[in-house]
Amino acid sequence: MENEIKAKYPTEPLKCWGKVNELRENYYRDYATAHEKGGIRWSGGAAGIEAVPAGFGGDIYPLTGEPYGASIAFDREFAAKCHAAAEEAGYPRDLCAYMRNYWGSKLLDTYAFGGPYPEPDFYWQFHMCCSHGKWYQEAARLEGKDTPVFVVDLSSGPYWSLNKETGHFYANPSEHQARYIVNQIYEHLERLEKILDRPYHDELLFEAAQNHFENIAIWPEICVLNQAIPAPLDQKSMFSQ
């Protein structure tokens, strides 16, 4: 065919992609079936520091909104239905598309991975974007059953410093700024202990935090490797996985 597009570079799927999909499917299935195993579900942003709720037990399962919204986006037909449901409910089109996917899935009572939408037992969110805290406050309102919402305000003032040798900025919060955030987390955990009727275990937090730090150290390496031409991962794949 005269108009056939020829690839400029040879490409192939990532050899680990099958394992990636397996882990992702387990993640969404474990969240949906948590109550069947006596576990607890929570939802919130992907930057909500999942290590903190992990202190309540090994059966705490999260559903982070941005990756879930990206997963919905992969199914164009379902994404269109979610956006239509959100618009019909009065949400304007200029709001975050992933947020509207998330809300639409709730409004349709349809889980992207099968069955009715599995509501969380509480919401946990670090507020760093103009819509993040409101995203889950509105999600709780849609449920109409007073699902607890815990939002940690990160607006403690600028805390980035410049490394004059490298020209890179790095996080350098003051003790006052760090304490402002930590005190909020303490208050939320005290409330959650009463709501969940569970004690908080610091050793589980340490274990989850170590896993978190290892993962966020690997992620920049992935982003650097993704500068290759052609890039191994497109934007949707990076967000949804």
C-alpha atoms as a PDB file:
ATOM      1  CA  MET A   1       0.000   0.000   0.000  1.00  0.00           C
ATOM      2  CA  GLU A   2       1.297   3.437  -0.956  1.00  0.00           C
ATOM      3  CA  ASN A   3       0.171   5.013   2.326  1.00  0.00           C
ATOM      4  CA  GLU A   4       1.519   2.234   4.520  1.00  0.00           C
ATOM      5  CA  ILE A   5       3.432   3.653   7.490  1.00  0.00           C
ATOM      6  CA  LYS A   6       6.829   2.045   7.977  1.00  0.00           C
ATOM      7  CA  ALA A   7       8.399   1.925  11.401  1.00  0.00           C
ATOM      8  CA  LYS A   8      11.532   4.030  11.613  1.00  0.00           C
ATOM      9  CA  TYR A   9      12.975   1.886  14.383  1.00  0.00           C
ATOM     10  CA  PRO A  10      12.542  -1.842  15.162  1.00  0.00           C
ATOM     11  CA  THR A  11      10.401  -2.374  18.252  1.00  0.00           C
ATOM     12  CA  GLU A  12       9.140  -5.235  20.389  1.00  0.00           C
ATOM     13  CA  PRO A  13       7.023  -5.524  23.559  1.00  0.00           C
ATOM     14  CA  LEU A  14       8.849  -5.448  26.890  1.00  0.00           C
ATOM     15  CA  LYS A  15       9.810  -8.987  27.864  1.00  0.00           C
ATOM     16  CA  CYS A  16       8.499  -8.379  31.387  1.00  0.00           C
ATOM     17  CA  TRP A  17       5.148  -6.972  30.218  1.00  0.00           C
ATOM     18  CA  GLY A  18       3.284 -10.193  30.960  1.00  0.00           C
ATOM     19  CA  LYS A  19       4.486 -10.093  34.568  1.00  0.00           C
ATOM     20  CA  VAL A  20       3.598  -6.413  34.823  1.00  0.00           C
ATOM     21  CA  ASN A  21       0.021  -7.129  33.748  1.00  0.00           C
ATOM     22  CA  GLU A  22      -0.187 -10.055  36.167  1.00  0.00           C
ATOM     23  CA  LEU A  23       0.863  -7.852  39.090  1.00  0.00           C
ATOM     24  CA  ARG A  24      -1.554  -5.124  38.033  1.00  0.00           C
ATOM     25  CA  GLU A  25      -4.478  -7.571  37.775  1.00  0.00           C
ATOM     26  CA  ASN A  26      -3.644  -8.949  41.239  1.00  0.00           C
ATOM     27  CA  TYR A  27      -3.613  -5.405  42.609  1.00  0.00           C
ATOM     28  CA  TYR A  28      -7.109  -4.579  41.322  1.00  0.00           C
ATOM     29  CA  ARG A  29      -8.515  -8.003  42.192  1.00  0.00           C
ATOM     30  CA  ASP A  30      -7.158  -7.894  45.758  1.00  0.00           C
ATOM     31  CA  TYR A  31      -8.800  -4.512  46.281  1.00  0.00           C
ATOM     32  CA  ALA A  32     -12.155  -5.700  44.941  1.00  0.00           C
ATOM     33  CA  THR A  33     -12.183  -8.894  47.038  1.00  0.00           C
ATOM     34  CA  ALA A  34     -10.696  -7.425  50.233  1.00  0.00           C
ATOM     35  CA  HIS A  35     -13.944  -7.644  52.204  1.00  0.00           C
ATOM     36  CA  GLU A  36     -14.354 -11.301  51.311  1.00  0.00           C
ATOM     37  CA  LYS A  37     -11.099 -11.955  53.194  1.00  0.00           C
ATOM     38  CA  GLY A  38     -11.944  -9.695  56.115  1.00  0.00           C
ATOM     39  CA  GLY A  39      -9.663  -6.954  54.788  1.00  0.00           C
ATOM     40  CA  ILE A  40     -10.024  -3.208  54.441  1.00  0.00           C
ATOM     41  CA  ARG A  41     -10.182  -1.064  51.304  1.00  0.00           C
ATOM     42  CA  TRP A  42      -9.042   2.515  50.925  1.00  0.00           C
ATOM     43  CA  SER A  43      -8.816   4.818  47.944  1.00  0.00           C
ATOM     44  CA  GLY A  44      -6.921   8.010  47.176  1.00  0.00           C
ATOM     45  CA  GLY A  45      -4.222   9.513  45.020  1.00  0.00           C
ATOM     46  CA  ALA A  46      -1.170   7.606  43.861  1.00  0.00           C
ATOM     47  CA  ALA A  47       0.994  10.125  45.733  1.00  0.00           C
ATOM     48  CA  GLY A  48      -0.823   9.480  49.010  1.00  0.00           C
ATOM     49  CA  ILE A  49       2.121   7.567  50.529  1.00  0.00           C
ATOM     50  CA  GLU A  50       0.590   4.096  50.707  1.00  0.00           C
ATOM     51  CA  ALA A  51       3.085   3.068  53.381  1.00  0.00           C
ATOM     52  CA  VAL A  52       1.177   4.991  56.056  1.00  0.00           C
ATOM     53  CA  PRO A  53      -2.169   3.084  55.937  1.00  0.00           C
ATOM     54  CA  ALA A  54      -0.189  -0.180  55.675  1.00  0.00           C
ATOM     55  CA  GLY A  55       0.466   0.100  59.410  1.00  0.00           C
ATOM     56  CA  PHE A  56      -3.081  -1.147  60.048  1.00  0.00           C
ATOM     57  CA  GLY A  57      -2.321  -4.640  58.749  1.00  0.00           C
ATOM     58  CA  GLY A  58      -1.264  -6.805  55.860  1.00  0.00           C
ATOM     59  CA  ASP A  59      -4.848  -6.932  54.596  1.00  0.00           C
ATOM     60  CA  ILE A  60      -5.160  -3.229  53.711  1.00  0.00           C
ATOM     61  CA  TYR A  61      -5.733  -2.816  49.966  1.00  0.00           C
ATOM     62  CA  PRO A  62      -5.623   0.520  48.083  1.00  0.00           C
ATOM     63  CA  LEU A  63      -7.167   1.753  44.849  1.00  0.00           C
ATOM     64  CA  THR A  64      -5.217   4.783  43.633  1.00  0.00           C
ATOM     65  CA  GLY A  65      -7.227   7.129  41.466  1.00  0.00           C
ATOM     66  CA  GLU A  66      -4.810   8.204  38.723  1.00  0.00           C
ATOM     67  CA  PRO A  67      -3.722   4.677  37.666  1.00  0.00           C
ATOM     68  CA  TYR A  68      -7.336   3.514  37.850  1.00  0.00           C
ATOM     69  CA  GLY A  69      -8.416   6.443  35.666  1.00  0.00           C
ATOM     70  CA  ALA A  70      -5.665   5.582  33.180  1.00  0.00           C
ATOM     71  CA  SER A  71      -6.792   1.956  33.112  1.00  0.00           C
ATOM     72  CA  ILE A  72     -10.336   3.078  32.304  1.00  0.00           C
ATOM     73  CA  ALA A  73      -8.940   5.289  29.529  1.00  0.00           C
ATOM     74  CA  PHE A  74      -7.537   2.184  27.826  1.00  0.00           C
ATOM     75  CA  ASP A  75     -11.138   1.025  27.211  1.00  0.00           C
ATOM     76  CA  ARG A  76     -12.395   3.885  25.050  1.00  0.00           C
ATOM     77  CA  GLU A  77     -16.020   2.742  25.086  1.00  0.00           C
ATOM     78  CA  PHE A  78     -16.139   2.475  28.880  1.00  0.00           C
ATOM     79  CA  ALA A  79     -14.227   5.751  29.286  1.00  0.00           C
ATOM     80  CA  ALA A  80     -16.771   7.517  27.082  1.00  0.00           C
ATOM     81  CA  LYS A  81     -19.588   6.148  29.267  1.00  0.00           C
ATOM     82  CA  CYS A  82     -17.789   7.320  32.406  1.00  0.00           C
ATOM     83  CA  HIS A  83     -17.301  10.817  30.997  1.00  0.00           C
ATOM     84  CA  ALA A  84     -20.934  10.955  29.894  1.00  0.00           C
ATOM     85  CA  ALA A  85     -22.108   9.887  33.360  1.00  0.00           C
ATOM     86  CA  ALA A  86     -19.914  12.535  35.003  1.00  0.00           C
ATOM     87  CA  GLU A  87     -21.176  15.232  32.642  1.00  0.00           C
ATOM     88  CA  GLU A  88     -24.787  14.211  33.191  1.00  0.00           C
ATOM     89  CA  ALA A  89     -24.151  14.519  36.939  1.00  0.00           C
ATOM     90  CA  GLY A  90     -23.070  18.120  36.392  1.00  0.00           C
ATOM     91  CA  TYR A  91     -19.269  17.890  36.251  1.00  0.00           C
ATOM     92  CA  PRO A  92     -17.741  20.070  33.507  1.00  0.00           C
ATOM     93  CA  ARG A  93     -15.511  18.697  30.770  1.00  0.00           C
ATOM     94  CA  ASP A  94     -12.543  20.856  31.702  1.00  0.00           C
ATOM     95  CA  LEU A  95     -11.937  18.900  34.922  1.00  0.00           C
ATOM     96  CA  CYS A  96      -9.231  16.218  35.030  1.00  0.00           C
ATOM     97  CA  ALA A  97     -10.159  13.377  32.652  1.00  0.00           C
ATOM     98  CA  TYR A  98      -8.869  10.699  35.032  1.00  0.00           C
ATOM     99  CA  MET A  99     -10.944  12.195  37.836  1.00  0.00           C
ATOM    100  CA  ARG A 100     -14.042  12.094  35.629  1.00  0.00           C
ATOM    101  CA  ASN A 101     -13.255   8.480  34.710  1.00  0.00           C
ATOM    102  CA  TYR A 102     -13.076   7.661  38.418  1.00  0.00           C
ATOM    103  CA  TRP A 103     -16.304   9.450  39.290  1.00  0.00           C
ATOM    104  CA  GLY A 104     -18.061   8.033  36.237  1.00  0.00           C
ATOM    105  CA  SER A 105     -17.130   4.495  37.213  1.00  0.00           C
ATOM    106  CA  LYS A 106     -18.687   5.115  40.636  1.00  0.00           C
ATOM    107  CA  LEU A 107     -21.793   6.735  39.141  1.00  0.00           C
ATOM    108  CA  LEU A 108     -22.281   3.768  36.793  1.00  0.00           C
ATOM    109  CA  ASP A 109     -21.532   1.336  39.644  1.00  0.00           C
ATOM    110  CA  THR A 110     -19.217  -0.502  37.253  1.00  0.00           C
ATOM    111  CA  TYR A 111     -15.680  -1.620  38.075  1.00  0.00           C
ATOM    112  CA  ALA A 112     -13.275  -1.505  35.146  1.00  0.00           C
ATOM    113  CA  PHE A 113     -12.087  -5.012  36.008  1.00  0.00           C
ATOM    114  CA  GLY A 114     -15.533  -6.585  36.329  1.00  0.00           C
ATOM    115  CA  GLY A 115     -18.511  -6.425  38.650  1.00  0.00           C
ATOM    116  CA  PRO A 116     -20.010  -3.533  40.613  1.00  0.00           C
ATOM    117  CA  TYR A 117     -17.799  -0.721  41.837  1.00  0.00           C
ATOM    118  CA  PRO A 118     -16.113  -1.741  45.153  1.00  0.00           C
ATOM    119  CA  GLU A 119     -16.511   1.193  47.528  1.00  0.00           C
ATOM    120  CA  PRO A 120     -13.618   1.942  49.919  1.00  0.00           C
ATOM    121  CA  ASP A 121     -13.839   1.982  53.696  1.00  0.00           C
ATOM    122  CA  PHE A 122     -11.997   5.300  53.825  1.00  0.00           C
ATOM    123  CA  TYR A 123     -10.184   7.798  51.613  1.00  0.00           C
ATOM    124  CA  TRP A 124      -6.536   8.761  52.136  1.00  0.00           C
ATOM    125  CA  GLN A 125      -5.058  11.647  50.166  1.00  0.00           C
ATOM    126  CA  PHE A 126      -2.076  14.010  50.248  1.00  0.00           C
ATOM    127  CA  HIS A 127      -3.272  17.365  48.905  1.00  0.00           C
ATOM    128  CA  MET A 128      -0.679  18.731  46.484  1.00  0.00           C
ATOM    129  CA  CYS A 129      -2.775  19.537  43.396  1.00  0.00           C
ATOM    130  CA  CYS A 130      -5.675  21.978  43.263  1.00  0.00           C
ATOM    131  CA  SER A 131      -8.146  19.130  42.725  1.00  0.00           C
ATOM    132  CA  HIS A 132      -6.697  16.212  44.686  1.00  0.00           C
ATOM    133  CA  GLY A 133      -8.394  16.723  48.028  1.00  0.00           C
ATOM    134  CA  LYS A 134     -11.708  17.630  46.397  1.00  0.00           C
ATOM    135  CA  TRP A 135     -11.475  14.564  44.108  1.00  0.00           C
ATOM    136  CA  TYR A 136     -12.054  12.196  47.026  1.00  0.00           C
ATOM    137  CA  GLN A 137     -14.281  14.462  49.068  1.00  0.00           C
ATOM    138  CA  GLU A 138     -16.626  14.457  46.093  1.00  0.00           C
ATOM    139  CA  ALA A 139     -16.226  10.687  45.676  1.00  0.00           C
ATOM    140  CA  ALA A 140     -17.364  10.218  49.270  1.00  0.00           C
ATOM    141  CA  ARG A 141     -20.320  12.540  48.710  1.00  0.00           C
ATOM    142  CA  LEU A 142     -21.412  10.472  45.720  1.00  0.00           C
ATOM    143  CA  GLU A 143     -21.606   7.405  47.957  1.00  0.00           C
ATOM    144  CA  GLY A 144     -23.947   9.181  50.343  1.00  0.00           C
ATOM    145  CA  LYS A 145     -22.861   7.206  53.394  1.00  0.00           C
ATOM    146  CA  ASP A 146     -20.314   9.410  55.195  1.00  0.00           C
ATOM    147  CA  THR A 147     -17.227   7.472  54.128  1.00  0.00           C
ATOM    148  CA  PRO A 148     -14.320   9.029  56.106  1.00  0.00           C
ATOM    149  CA  VAL A 149     -11.980  11.256  54.093  1.00  0.00           C
ATOM    150  CA  PHE A 150      -8.477  12.011  55.355  1.00  0.00           C
ATOM    151  CA  VAL A 151      -6.576  14.734  53.509  1.00  0.00           C
ATOM    152  CA  VAL A 152      -3.045  15.796  54.461  1.00  0.00           C
ATOM    153  CA  ASP A 153      -2.307  19.395  53.468  1.00  0.00           C
ATOM    154  CA  LEU A 154       1.196  19.719  52.019  1.00  0.00           C
ATOM    155  CA  SER A 155       1.126  23.503  51.587  1.00  0.00           C
ATOM    156  CA  SER A 156       3.771  24.121  54.229  1.00  0.00           C
ATOM    157  CA  GLY A 157       5.619  26.686  52.091  1.00  0.00           C
ATOM    158  CA  PRO A 158       8.527  26.360  49.651  1.00  0.00           C
ATOM    159  CA  TYR A 159      11.135  23.820  50.725  1.00  0.00           C
ATOM    160  CA  TRP A 160      13.201  23.269  47.588  1.00  0.00           C
ATOM    161  CA  SER A 161      16.905  24.105  47.653  1.00  0.00           C
ATOM    162  CA  LEU A 162      19.325  24.453  44.770  1.00  0.00           C
ATOM    163  CA  ASN A 163      22.474  22.354  44.571  1.00  0.00           C
ATOM    164  CA  LYS A 164      24.836  24.904  43.038  1.00  0.00           C
ATOM    165  CA  GLU A 165      27.283  22.201  41.925  1.00  0.00           C
ATOM    166  CA  THR A 166      24.771  20.164  39.926  1.00  0.00           C
ATOM    167  CA  GLY A 167      22.170  22.853  39.221  1.00  0.00           C
ATOM    168  CA  HIS A 168      19.430  20.510  40.492  1.00  0.00           C
ATOM    169  CA  PHE A 169      16.761  21.279  43.070  1.00  0.00           C
ATOM    170  CA  TYR A 170      16.170  18.936  46.001  1.00  0.00           C
ATOM    171  CA  ALA A 171      13.666  18.737  48.845  1.00  0.00           C
ATOM    172  CA  ASN A 172      14.975  20.375  52.008  1.00  0.00           C
ATOM    173  CA  PRO A 173      12.035  21.030  54.339  1.00  0.00           C
ATOM    174  CA  SER A 174      12.587  22.740  57.658  1.00  0.00           C
ATOM    175  CA  GLU A 175      11.720  20.994  60.906  1.00  0.00           C
ATOM    176  CA  HIS A 176       8.653  23.240  61.203  1.00  0.00           C
ATOM    177  CA  GLN A 177       7.444  22.270  57.720  1.00  0.00           C
ATOM    178  CA  ALA A 178       7.982  18.560  58.339  1.00  0.00           C
ATOM    179  CA  ARG A 179       6.234  18.728  61.713  1.00  0.00           C
ATOM    180  CA  TYR A 180       3.223  20.443  60.124  1.00  0.00           C
ATOM    181  CA  ILE A 181       2.713  17.402  57.872  1.00  0.00           C
ATOM    182  CA  VAL A 182       3.607  14.762  60.465  1.00  0.00           C
ATOM    183  CA  ASN A 183       1.159  16.178  63.010  1.00  0.00           C
ATOM    184  CA  GLN A 184      -1.666  15.882  60.490  1.00  0.00           C
ATOM    185  CA  ILE A 185      -0.781  12.242  59.848  1.00  0.00           C
ATOM    186  CA  TYR A 186      -0.756  11.517  63.593  1.00  0.00           C
ATOM    187  CA  GLU A 187      -4.213  13.057  63.990  1.00  0.00           C
ATOM    188  CA  HIS A 188      -5.581  11.042  61.072  1.00  0.00           C
ATOM    189  CA  LEU A 189      -4.136   7.778  62.390  1.00  0.00           C
ATOM    190  CA  GLU A 190      -5.686   8.355  65.820  1.00  0.00           C
ATOM    191  CA  ARG A 191      -9.085   8.796  64.199  1.00  0.00           C
ATOM    192  CA  LEU A 192      -8.574   5.770  61.948  1.00  0.00           C
ATOM    193  CA  GLU A 193      -7.708   3.524  64.893  1.00  0.00           C
ATOM    194  CA  LYS A 194     -11.159   4.267  66.320  1.00  0.00           C
ATOM    195  CA  ILE A 195     -13.001   4.007  62.995  1.00  0.00           C
ATOM    196  CA  LEU A 196     -11.349   0.748  61.941  1.00  0.00           C
ATOM    197  CA  ASP A 197     -11.208  -0.620  65.504  1.00  0.00           C
ATOM    198  CA  ARG A 198      -7.613  -1.667  64.856  1.00  0.00           C
ATOM    199  CA  PRO A 199      -4.307  -0.743  66.492  1.00  0.00           C
ATOM    200  CA  TYR A 200      -1.562   0.819  64.406  1.00  0.00           C
ATOM    201  CA  HIS A 201       1.702  -1.140  64.073  1.00  0.00           C
ATOM    202  CA  ASP A 202       4.867   0.863  63.535  1.00  0.00           C
ATOM    203  CA  GLU A 203       6.820  -2.184  62.359  1.00  0.00           C
ATOM    204  CA  LEU A 204       4.394  -2.620  59.444  1.00  0.00           C
ATOM    205  CA  LEU A 205       4.892   1.048  58.584  1.00  0.00           C
ATOM    206  CA  PHE A 206       8.686   0.591  58.577  1.00  0.00           C
ATOM    207  CA  GLU A 207       8.426  -2.427  56.295  1.00  0.00           C
ATOM    208  CA  ALA A 208       6.075  -0.651  53.885  1.00  0.00           C
ATOM    209  CA  ALA A 209       8.184   2.521  53.970  1.00  0.00           C
ATOM    210  CA  GLN A 210      11.315   0.566  53.049  1.00  0.00           C
ATOM    211  CA  ASN A 211       9.466  -0.943  50.102  1.00  0.00           C
ATOM    212  CA  HIS A 212       8.231   2.532  49.122  1.00  0.00           C
ATOM    213  CA  PHE A 213      11.720   4.041  49.209  1.00  0.00           C
ATOM    214  CA  GLU A 214      13.156   1.223  47.139  1.00  0.00           C
ATOM    215  CA  ASN A 215      10.447   1.679  44.538  1.00  0.00           C
ATOM    216  CA  ILE A 216      10.760   5.442  44.257  1.00  0.00           C
ATOM    217  CA  ALA A 217      14.516   4.982  43.819  1.00  0.00           C
ATOM    218  CA  ILE A 218      13.902   2.602  40.905  1.00  0.00           C
ATOM    219  CA  TRP A 219      11.282   4.811  39.233  1.00  0.00           C
ATOM    220  CA  PRO A 220      13.722   7.595  38.201  1.00  0.00           C
ATOM    221  CA  GLU A 221      15.919   4.923  36.622  1.00  0.00           C
ATOM    222  CA  ILE A 222      12.904   3.748  34.603  1.00  0.00           C
ATOM    223  CA  CYS A 223      12.205   7.327  33.504  1.00  0.00           C
ATOM    224  CA  VAL A 224      15.827   7.744  32.380  1.00  0.00           C
ATOM    225  CA  LEU A 225      15.689   4.508  30.385  1.00  0.00           C
ATOM    226  CA  ASN A 226      12.426   5.688  28.847  1.00  0.00           C
ATOM    227  CA  GLN A 227      14.322   8.499  27.141  1.00  0.00           C
ATOM    228  CA  ALA A 228      15.404   5.924  24.574  1.00  0.00           C
ATOM    229  CA  ILE A 229      14.155   6.342  20.998  1.00  0.00           C
ATOM    230  CA  PRO A 230      11.665   4.774  20.619  1.00  0.00           C
ATOM    231  CA  ALA A 231      10.577   4.968  24.252  1.00  0.00           C
ATOM    232  CA  PRO A 232       9.699   1.546  25.744  1.00  0.00           C
ATOM    233  CA  LEU A 233       6.635   2.939  27.575  1.00  0.00           C
ATOM    234  CA  ASP A 234       4.010   5.409  26.408  1.00  0.00           C
ATOM    235  CA  GLN A 235       2.366   7.850  28.825  1.00  0.00           C
ATOM    236  CA  LYS A 236      -0.737   5.740  29.462  1.00  0.00           C
ATOM    237  CA  SER A 237       1.358   2.659  30.209  1.00  0.00           C
ATOM    238  CA  MET A 238       3.521   4.556  32.669  1.00  0.00           C
ATOM    239  CA  PHE A 239       0.480   5.936  34.498  1.00  0.00           C
ATOM    240  CA  SER A 240      -1.661   2.800  34.586  1.00  0.00           C
ATOM    241  CA  GLN A 241       1.051   0.357  35.631  1.00  0.00           C
END
